[in-house]
PDB file of all heavy atoms in Angstrom:
ATOM      1  N   GLY A   1     115.584 118.904  70.737  1.00  0.00           N
ATOM      2  CA  GLY A   1     114.419 119.307  71.508  1.00  0.00           C
ATOM      3  C   GLY A   1     114.413 120.793  71.823  1.00  0.00           C
ATOM      4  O   GLY A   1     113.382 121.458  71.710  1.00  0.00           O
ATOM      5  N   ASN A   2     115.577 121.321  72.215  1.00  0.00           N
ATOM      6  CA  ASN A   2     115.703 122.742  72.535  1.00  0.00           C
ATOM      7  C   ASN A   2     116.115 123.582  71.335  1.00  0.00           C
ATOM      8  O   ASN A   2     116.256 124.801  71.457  1.00  0.00           O
ATOM      9  CB  ASN A   2     116.703 122.942  73.672  1.00  0.00           C
ATOM     10  CG  ASN A   2     116.195 122.414  74.995  1.00  0.00           C
ATOM     11  OD1 ASN A   2     115.026 122.574  75.325  1.00  0.00           O
ATOM     12  ND2 ASN A   2     117.076 121.776  75.756  1.00  0.00           N
ATOM     13  N   LYS A   3     116.319 122.939  70.205  1.00  0.00           N
ATOM     14  CA  LYS A   3     116.678 123.609  68.955  1.00  0.00           C
ATOM     15  C   LYS A   3     117.922 124.479  69.120  1.00  0.00           C
ATOM     16  O   LYS A   3     117.924 125.664  68.797  1.00  0.00           O
ATOM     17  CB  LYS A   3     115.490 124.402  68.430  1.00  0.00           C
ATOM     18  CG  LYS A   3     114.290 123.527  68.126  1.00  0.00           C
ATOM     19  CD  LYS A   3     113.121 124.311  67.570  1.00  0.00           C
ATOM     20  CE  LYS A   3     111.954 123.389  67.246  1.00  0.00           C
ATOM     21  NZ  LYS A   3     110.789 124.121  66.705  1.00  0.00           N
ATOM     22  N   MET A   4     118.984 123.851  69.636  1.00  0.00           N
ATOM     23  CA  MET A   4     120.250 124.524  69.846  1.00  0.00           C
ATOM     24  C   MET A   4     121.373 123.766  69.138  1.00  0.00           C
ATOM     25  O   MET A   4     121.381 122.533  69.108  1.00  0.00           O
ATOM     26  CB  MET A   4     120.583 124.620  71.331  1.00  0.00           C
ATOM     27  CG  MET A   4     119.615 125.474  72.136  1.00  0.00           C
ATOM     28  SD  MET A   4     119.831 127.244  71.815  1.00  0.00           S
ATOM     29  CE  MET A   4     121.440 127.515  72.551  1.00  0.00           C
ATOM     30  N   LEU A   5     122.309 124.501  68.585  1.00  0.00           N
ATOM     31  CA  LEU A   5     123.499 123.954  67.949  1.00  0.00           C
ATOM     32  C   LEU A   5     124.723 124.464  68.704  1.00  0.00           C
ATOM     33  O   LEU A   5     124.782 125.642  69.062  1.00  0.00           O
ATOM     34  CB  LEU A   5     123.561 124.376  66.480  1.00  0.00           C
ATOM     35  CG  LEU A   5     124.648 123.750  65.618  1.00  0.00           C
ATOM     36  CD1 LEU A   5     124.357 122.269  65.382  1.00  0.00           C
ATOM     37  CD2 LEU A   5     124.748 124.487  64.285  1.00  0.00           C
ATOM     38  N   TYR A   6     125.703 123.581  68.924  1.00  0.00           N
ATOM     39  CA  TYR A   6     126.874 123.938  69.711  1.00  0.00           C
ATOM     40  C   TYR A   6     128.165 123.630  68.970  1.00  0.00           C
ATOM     41  O   TYR A   6     128.227 122.753  68.111  1.00  0.00           O
ATOM     42  CB  TYR A   6     126.890 123.170  71.039  1.00  0.00           C
ATOM     43  CG  TYR A   6     125.669 123.382  71.894  1.00  0.00           C
ATOM     44  CD1 TYR A   6     124.635 122.448  71.895  1.00  0.00           C
ATOM     45  CD2 TYR A   6     125.548 124.509  72.696  1.00  0.00           C
ATOM     46  CE1 TYR A   6     123.513 122.635  72.679  1.00  0.00           C
ATOM     47  CE2 TYR A   6     124.428 124.706  73.484  1.00  0.00           C
ATOM     48  CZ  TYR A   6     123.414 123.765  73.475  1.00  0.00           C
ATOM     49  OH  TYR A   6     122.303 123.950  74.252  1.00  0.00           O
ATOM     50  N   LEU A   7     129.206 124.352  69.347  1.00  0.00           N
ATOM     51  CA  LEU A   7     130.552 124.062  68.870  1.00  0.00           C
ATOM     52  C   LEU A   7     131.504 124.153  70.050  1.00  0.00           C
ATOM     53  O   LEU A   7     131.739 125.242  70.574  1.00  0.00           O
ATOM     54  CB  LEU A   7     130.985 125.033  67.775  1.00  0.00           C
ATOM     55  CG  LEU A   7     132.380 124.780  67.191  1.00  0.00           C
ATOM     56  CD1 LEU A   7     132.387 123.479  66.390  1.00  0.00           C
ATOM     57  CD2 LEU A   7     132.833 125.950  66.320  1.00  0.00           C
ATOM     58  N   GLN A   8     132.018 123.004  70.486  1.00  0.00           N
ATOM     59  CA  GLN A   8     133.018 122.966  71.540  1.00  0.00           C
ATOM     60  C   GLN A   8     134.391 123.099  70.908  1.00  0.00           C
ATOM     61  O   GLN A   8     134.760 122.296  70.049  1.00  0.00           O
ATOM     62  CB  GLN A   8     132.931 121.660  72.333  1.00  0.00           C
ATOM     63  CG  GLN A   8     133.965 121.527  73.440  1.00  0.00           C
ATOM     64  CD  GLN A   8     133.764 122.526  74.554  1.00  0.00           C
ATOM     65  OE1 GLN A   8     132.650 122.705  75.036  1.00  0.00           O
ATOM     66  NE2 GLN A   8     134.838 123.189  74.966  1.00  0.00           N
ATOM     67  N   MET A   9     135.153 124.102  71.331  1.00  0.00           N
ATOM     68  CA  MET A   9     136.464 124.386  70.768  1.00  0.00           C
ATOM     69  C   MET A   9     137.516 124.230  71.856  1.00  0.00           C
ATOM     70  O   MET A   9     137.507 124.962  72.848  1.00  0.00           O
ATOM     71  CB  MET A   9     136.514 125.796  70.181  1.00  0.00           C
ATOM     72  CG  MET A   9     135.426 126.066  69.151  1.00  0.00           C
ATOM     73  SD  MET A   9     135.605 127.694  68.371  1.00  0.00           S
ATOM     74  CE  MET A   9     135.304 128.757  69.790  1.00  0.00           C
ATOM     75  N   ASN A  10     138.425 123.282  71.665  1.00  0.00           N
ATOM     76  CA  ASN A  10     139.504 123.021  72.606  1.00  0.00           C
ATOM     77  C   ASN A  10     140.850 123.255  71.941  1.00  0.00           C
ATOM     78  O   ASN A  10     140.960 123.287  70.725  1.00  0.00           O
ATOM     79  CB  ASN A  10     139.430 121.583  73.128  1.00  0.00           C
ATOM     80  CG  ASN A  10     138.152 121.279  73.877  1.00  0.00           C
ATOM     81  OD1 ASN A  10     137.602 122.134  74.568  1.00  0.00           O
ATOM     82  ND2 ASN A  10     137.677 120.041  73.759  1.00  0.00           N
ATOM     83  N   SER A  11     141.873 123.394  72.766  1.00  0.00           N
ATOM     84  CA  SER A  11     143.241 123.589  72.275  1.00  0.00           C
ATOM     85  C   SER A  11     143.309 124.692  71.235  1.00  0.00           C
ATOM     86  O   SER A  11     143.893 124.533  70.159  1.00  0.00           O
ATOM     87  CB  SER A  11     143.786 122.271  71.701  1.00  0.00           C
ATOM     88  OG  SER A  11     143.766 121.243  72.670  1.00  0.00           O
ATOM     89  N   LEU A  12     142.724 125.819  71.549  1.00  0.00           N
ATOM     90  CA  LEU A  12     142.620 126.913  70.591  1.00  0.00           C
ATOM     91  C   LEU A  12     143.992 127.487  70.239  1.00  0.00           C
ATOM     92  O   LEU A  12     144.887 127.572  71.086  1.00  0.00           O
ATOM     93  CB  LEU A  12     141.716 128.006  71.138  1.00  0.00           C
ATOM     94  CG  LEU A  12     140.227 127.669  71.059  1.00  0.00           C
ATOM     95  CD1 LEU A  12     139.419 128.563  71.992  1.00  0.00           C
ATOM     96  CD2 LEU A  12     139.731 127.817  69.623  1.00  0.00           C
ATOM     97  N   LYS A  13     144.124 127.884  68.988  1.00  0.00           N
ATOM     98  CA  LYS A  13     145.349 128.446  68.447  1.00  0.00           C
ATOM     99  C   LYS A  13     145.087 129.857  67.941  1.00  0.00           C
ATOM    100  O   LYS A  13     143.951 130.189  67.600  1.00  0.00           O
ATOM    101  CB  LYS A  13     145.870 127.578  67.294  1.00  0.00           C
ATOM    102  CG  LYS A  13     146.070 126.115  67.640  1.00  0.00           C
ATOM    103  CD  LYS A  13     146.460 125.317  66.400  1.00  0.00           C
ATOM    104  CE  LYS A  13     146.658 123.850  66.726  1.00  0.00           C
ATOM    105  NZ  LYS A  13     147.021 123.067  65.508  1.00  0.00           N
ATOM    106  N   PRO A  14     146.122 130.688  67.848  1.00  0.00           N
ATOM    107  CA  PRO A  14     145.923 132.041  67.311  1.00  0.00           C
ATOM    108  C   PRO A  14     145.275 132.053  65.937  1.00  0.00           C
ATOM    109  O   PRO A  14     144.492 132.962  65.639  1.00  0.00           O
ATOM    110  CB  PRO A  14     147.350 132.606  67.270  1.00  0.00           C
ATOM    111  CG  PRO A  14     148.046 131.902  68.384  1.00  0.00           C
ATOM    112  CD  PRO A  14     147.487 130.497  68.370  1.00  0.00           C
ATOM    113  N   GLU A  15     145.565 131.065  65.106  1.00  0.00           N
ATOM    114  CA  GLU A  15     144.984 131.011  63.776  1.00  0.00           C
ATOM    115  C   GLU A  15     143.496 130.679  63.772  1.00  0.00           C
ATOM    116  O   GLU A  15     142.852 130.721  62.721  1.00  0.00           O
ATOM    117  CB  GLU A  15     145.739 130.019  62.872  1.00  0.00           C
ATOM    118  CG  GLU A  15     145.904 128.639  63.476  1.00  0.00           C
ATOM    119  CD  GLU A  15     147.260 128.446  64.134  1.00  0.00           C
ATOM    120  OE1 GLU A  15     147.720 129.370  64.831  1.00  0.00           O
ATOM    121  OE2 GLU A  15     147.867 127.369  63.936  1.00  0.00           O
ATOM    122  N   ASP A  16     142.939 130.336  64.931  1.00  0.00           N
ATOM    123  CA  ASP A  16     141.497 130.140  65.045  1.00  0.00           C
ATOM    124  C   ASP A  16     140.750 131.462  65.188  1.00  0.00           C
ATOM    125  O   ASP A  16     139.514 131.476  65.175  1.00  0.00           O
ATOM    126  CB  ASP A  16     141.162 129.243  66.241  1.00  0.00           C
ATOM    127  CG  ASP A  16     141.669 127.821  66.076  1.00  0.00           C
ATOM    128  OD1 ASP A  16     141.546 127.271  64.967  1.00  0.00           O
ATOM    129  OD2 ASP A  16     142.178 127.259  67.066  1.00  0.00           O
ATOM    130  N   THR A  17     141.478 132.556  65.347  1.00  0.00           N
ATOM    131  CA  THR A  17     140.855 133.868  65.479  1.00  0.00           C
ATOM    132  C   THR A  17     140.037 134.198  64.237  1.00  0.00           C
ATOM    133  O   THR A  17     140.554 134.188  63.117  1.00  0.00           O
ATOM    134  CB  THR A  17     141.913 134.950  65.709  1.00  0.00           C
ATOM    135  OG1 THR A  17     142.582 134.710  66.949  1.00  0.00           O
ATOM    136  CG2 THR A  17     141.276 136.330  65.749  1.00  0.00           C
ATOM    137  N   ALA A  18     138.750 134.478  64.437  1.00  0.00           N
ATOM    138  CA  ALA A  18     137.847 134.735  63.320  1.00  0.00           C
ATOM    139  C   ALA A  18     136.472 135.088  63.861  1.00  0.00           C
ATOM    140  O   ALA A  18     136.210 134.960  65.059  1.00  0.00           O
ATOM    141  CB  ALA A  18     137.745 133.507  62.409  1.00  0.00           C
ATOM    142  N   VAL A  19     135.605 135.515  62.966  1.00  0.00           N
ATOM    143  CA  VAL A  19     134.187 135.628  63.282  1.00  0.00           C
ATOM    144  C   VAL A  19     133.539 134.302  62.913  1.00  0.00           C
ATOM    145  O   VAL A  19     133.692 133.824  61.786  1.00  0.00           O
ATOM    146  CB  VAL A  19     133.512 136.781  62.528  1.00  0.00           C
ATOM    147  CG1 VAL A  19     132.021 136.832  62.841  1.00  0.00           C
ATOM    148  CG2 VAL A  19     134.168 138.106  62.893  1.00  0.00           C
ATOM    149  N   TYR A  20     132.830 133.714  63.856  1.00  0.00           N
ATOM    150  CA  TYR A  20     132.201 132.417  63.654  1.00  0.00           C
ATOM    151  C   TYR A  20     130.705 132.586  63.417  1.00  0.00           C
ATOM    152  O   TYR A  20     130.019 133.279  64.171  1.00  0.00           O
ATOM    153  CB  TYR A  20     132.441 131.515  64.870  1.00  0.00           C
ATOM    154  CG  TYR A  20     133.851 130.969  64.932  1.00  0.00           C
ATOM    155  CD1 TYR A  20     134.919 131.808  65.227  1.00  0.00           C
ATOM    156  CD2 TYR A  20     134.103 129.628  64.676  1.00  0.00           C
ATOM    157  CE1 TYR A  20     136.217 131.322  65.260  1.00  0.00           C
ATOM    158  CE2 TYR A  20     135.398 129.135  64.714  1.00  0.00           C
ATOM    159  CZ  TYR A  20     136.453 129.985  65.006  1.00  0.00           C
ATOM    160  OH  TYR A  20     137.741 129.497  65.045  1.00  0.00           O
ATOM    161  N   PHE A  21     130.221 131.940  62.365  1.00  0.00           N
ATOM    162  CA  PHE A  21     128.834 132.047  61.954  1.00  0.00           C
ATOM    163  C   PHE A  21     128.117 130.713  62.076  1.00  0.00           C
ATOM    164  O   PHE A  21     128.677 129.669  61.748  1.00  0.00           O
ATOM    165  CB  PHE A  21     128.726 132.512  60.503  1.00  0.00           C
ATOM    166  CG  PHE A  21     129.328 133.858  60.243  1.00  0.00           C
ATOM    167  CD1 PHE A  21     130.665 133.970  59.903  1.00  0.00           C
ATOM    168  CD2 PHE A  21     128.567 135.005  60.330  1.00  0.00           C
ATOM    169  CE1 PHE A  21     131.239 135.199  59.653  1.00  0.00           C
ATOM    170  CE2 PHE A  21     129.123 136.250  60.079  1.00  0.00           C
ATOM    171  CZ  PHE A  21     130.460 136.348  59.742  1.00  0.00           C
ATOM    172  N   CYS A  22     126.877 130.765  62.521  1.00  0.00           N
ATOM    173  CA  CYS A  22     126.011 129.603  62.572  1.00  0.00           C
ATOM    174  C   CYS A  22     125.110 129.598  61.341  1.00  0.00           C
ATOM    175  O   CYS A  22     124.562 130.636  60.955  1.00  0.00           O
ATOM    176  CB  CYS A  22     125.169 129.646  63.849  1.00  0.00           C
ATOM    177  SG  CYS A  22     123.894 128.382  63.978  1.00  0.00           S
ATOM    178  N   MET A  23     124.967 128.437  60.721  1.00  0.00           N
ATOM    179  CA  MET A  23     124.079 128.288  59.575  1.00  0.00           C
ATOM    180  C   MET A  23     123.149 127.108  59.811  1.00  0.00           C
ATOM    181  O   MET A  23     123.601 126.000  60.102  1.00  0.00           O
ATOM    182  CB  MET A  23     124.892 128.059  58.297  1.00  0.00           C
ATOM    183  CG  MET A  23     124.064 128.039  57.008  1.00  0.00           C
ATOM    184  SD  MET A  23     123.230 126.448  56.676  1.00  0.00           S
ATOM    185  CE  MET A  23     124.631 125.401  56.291  1.00  0.00           C
ATOM    186  N   ILE A  24     121.861 127.347  59.697  1.00  0.00           N
ATOM    187  CA  ILE A  24     120.859 126.311  59.872  1.00  0.00           C
ATOM    188  C   ILE A  24     119.892 126.362  58.700  1.00  0.00           C
ATOM    189  O   ILE A  24     119.169 127.351  58.527  1.00  0.00           O
ATOM    190  CB  ILE A  24     120.099 126.462  61.198  1.00  0.00           C
ATOM    191  CG1 ILE A  24     121.059 126.346  62.384  1.00  0.00           C
ATOM    192  CG2 ILE A  24     118.995 125.410  61.296  1.00  0.00           C
ATOM    193  CD1 ILE A  24     120.410 126.578  63.730  1.00  0.00           C
ATOM    194  N   ARG A  25     119.915 125.345  57.892  1.00  0.00           N
ATOM    195  CA  ARG A  25     119.011 125.224  56.748  1.00  0.00           C
ATOM    196  C   ARG A  25     119.005 126.520  55.922  1.00  0.00           C
ATOM    197  O   ARG A  25     117.952 127.064  55.602  1.00  0.00           O
ATOM    198  CB  ARG A  25     117.606 124.860  57.230  1.00  0.00           C
ATOM    199  CG  ARG A  25     117.576 123.545  58.003  1.00  0.00           C
ATOM    200  CD  ARG A  25     116.240 123.313  58.679  1.00  0.00           C
ATOM    201  NE  ARG A  25     115.194 122.992  57.716  1.00  0.00           N
ATOM    202  CZ  ARG A  25     114.903 121.766  57.318  1.00  0.00           C
ATOM    203  NH1 ARG A  25     115.577 120.725  57.777  1.00  0.00           N
ATOM    204  NH2 ARG A  25     113.919 121.577  56.449  1.00  0.00           N
ATOM    205  N   ASN A  26     120.197 127.001  55.607  1.00  0.00           N
ATOM    206  CA  ASN A  26     120.431 128.176  54.775  1.00  0.00           C
ATOM    207  C   ASN A  26     120.052 129.505  55.427  1.00  0.00           C
ATOM    208  O   ASN A  26     119.946 130.529  54.748  1.00  0.00           O
ATOM    209  CB  ASN A  26     119.732 128.036  53.422  1.00  0.00           C
ATOM    210  CG  ASN A  26     120.324 126.912  52.585  1.00  0.00           C
ATOM    211  OD1 ASN A  26     121.535 126.726  52.558  1.00  0.00           O
ATOM    212  ND2 ASN A  26     119.466 126.173  51.906  1.00  0.00           N
TER     213      ASN A  26
END
């Protein structure tokens, strides 16, 4: 309805360090 996408990230590790990108229908 609000046209939002989420990513809940728990128990984060150093190897999760990165730039995170959202992709919606290309």
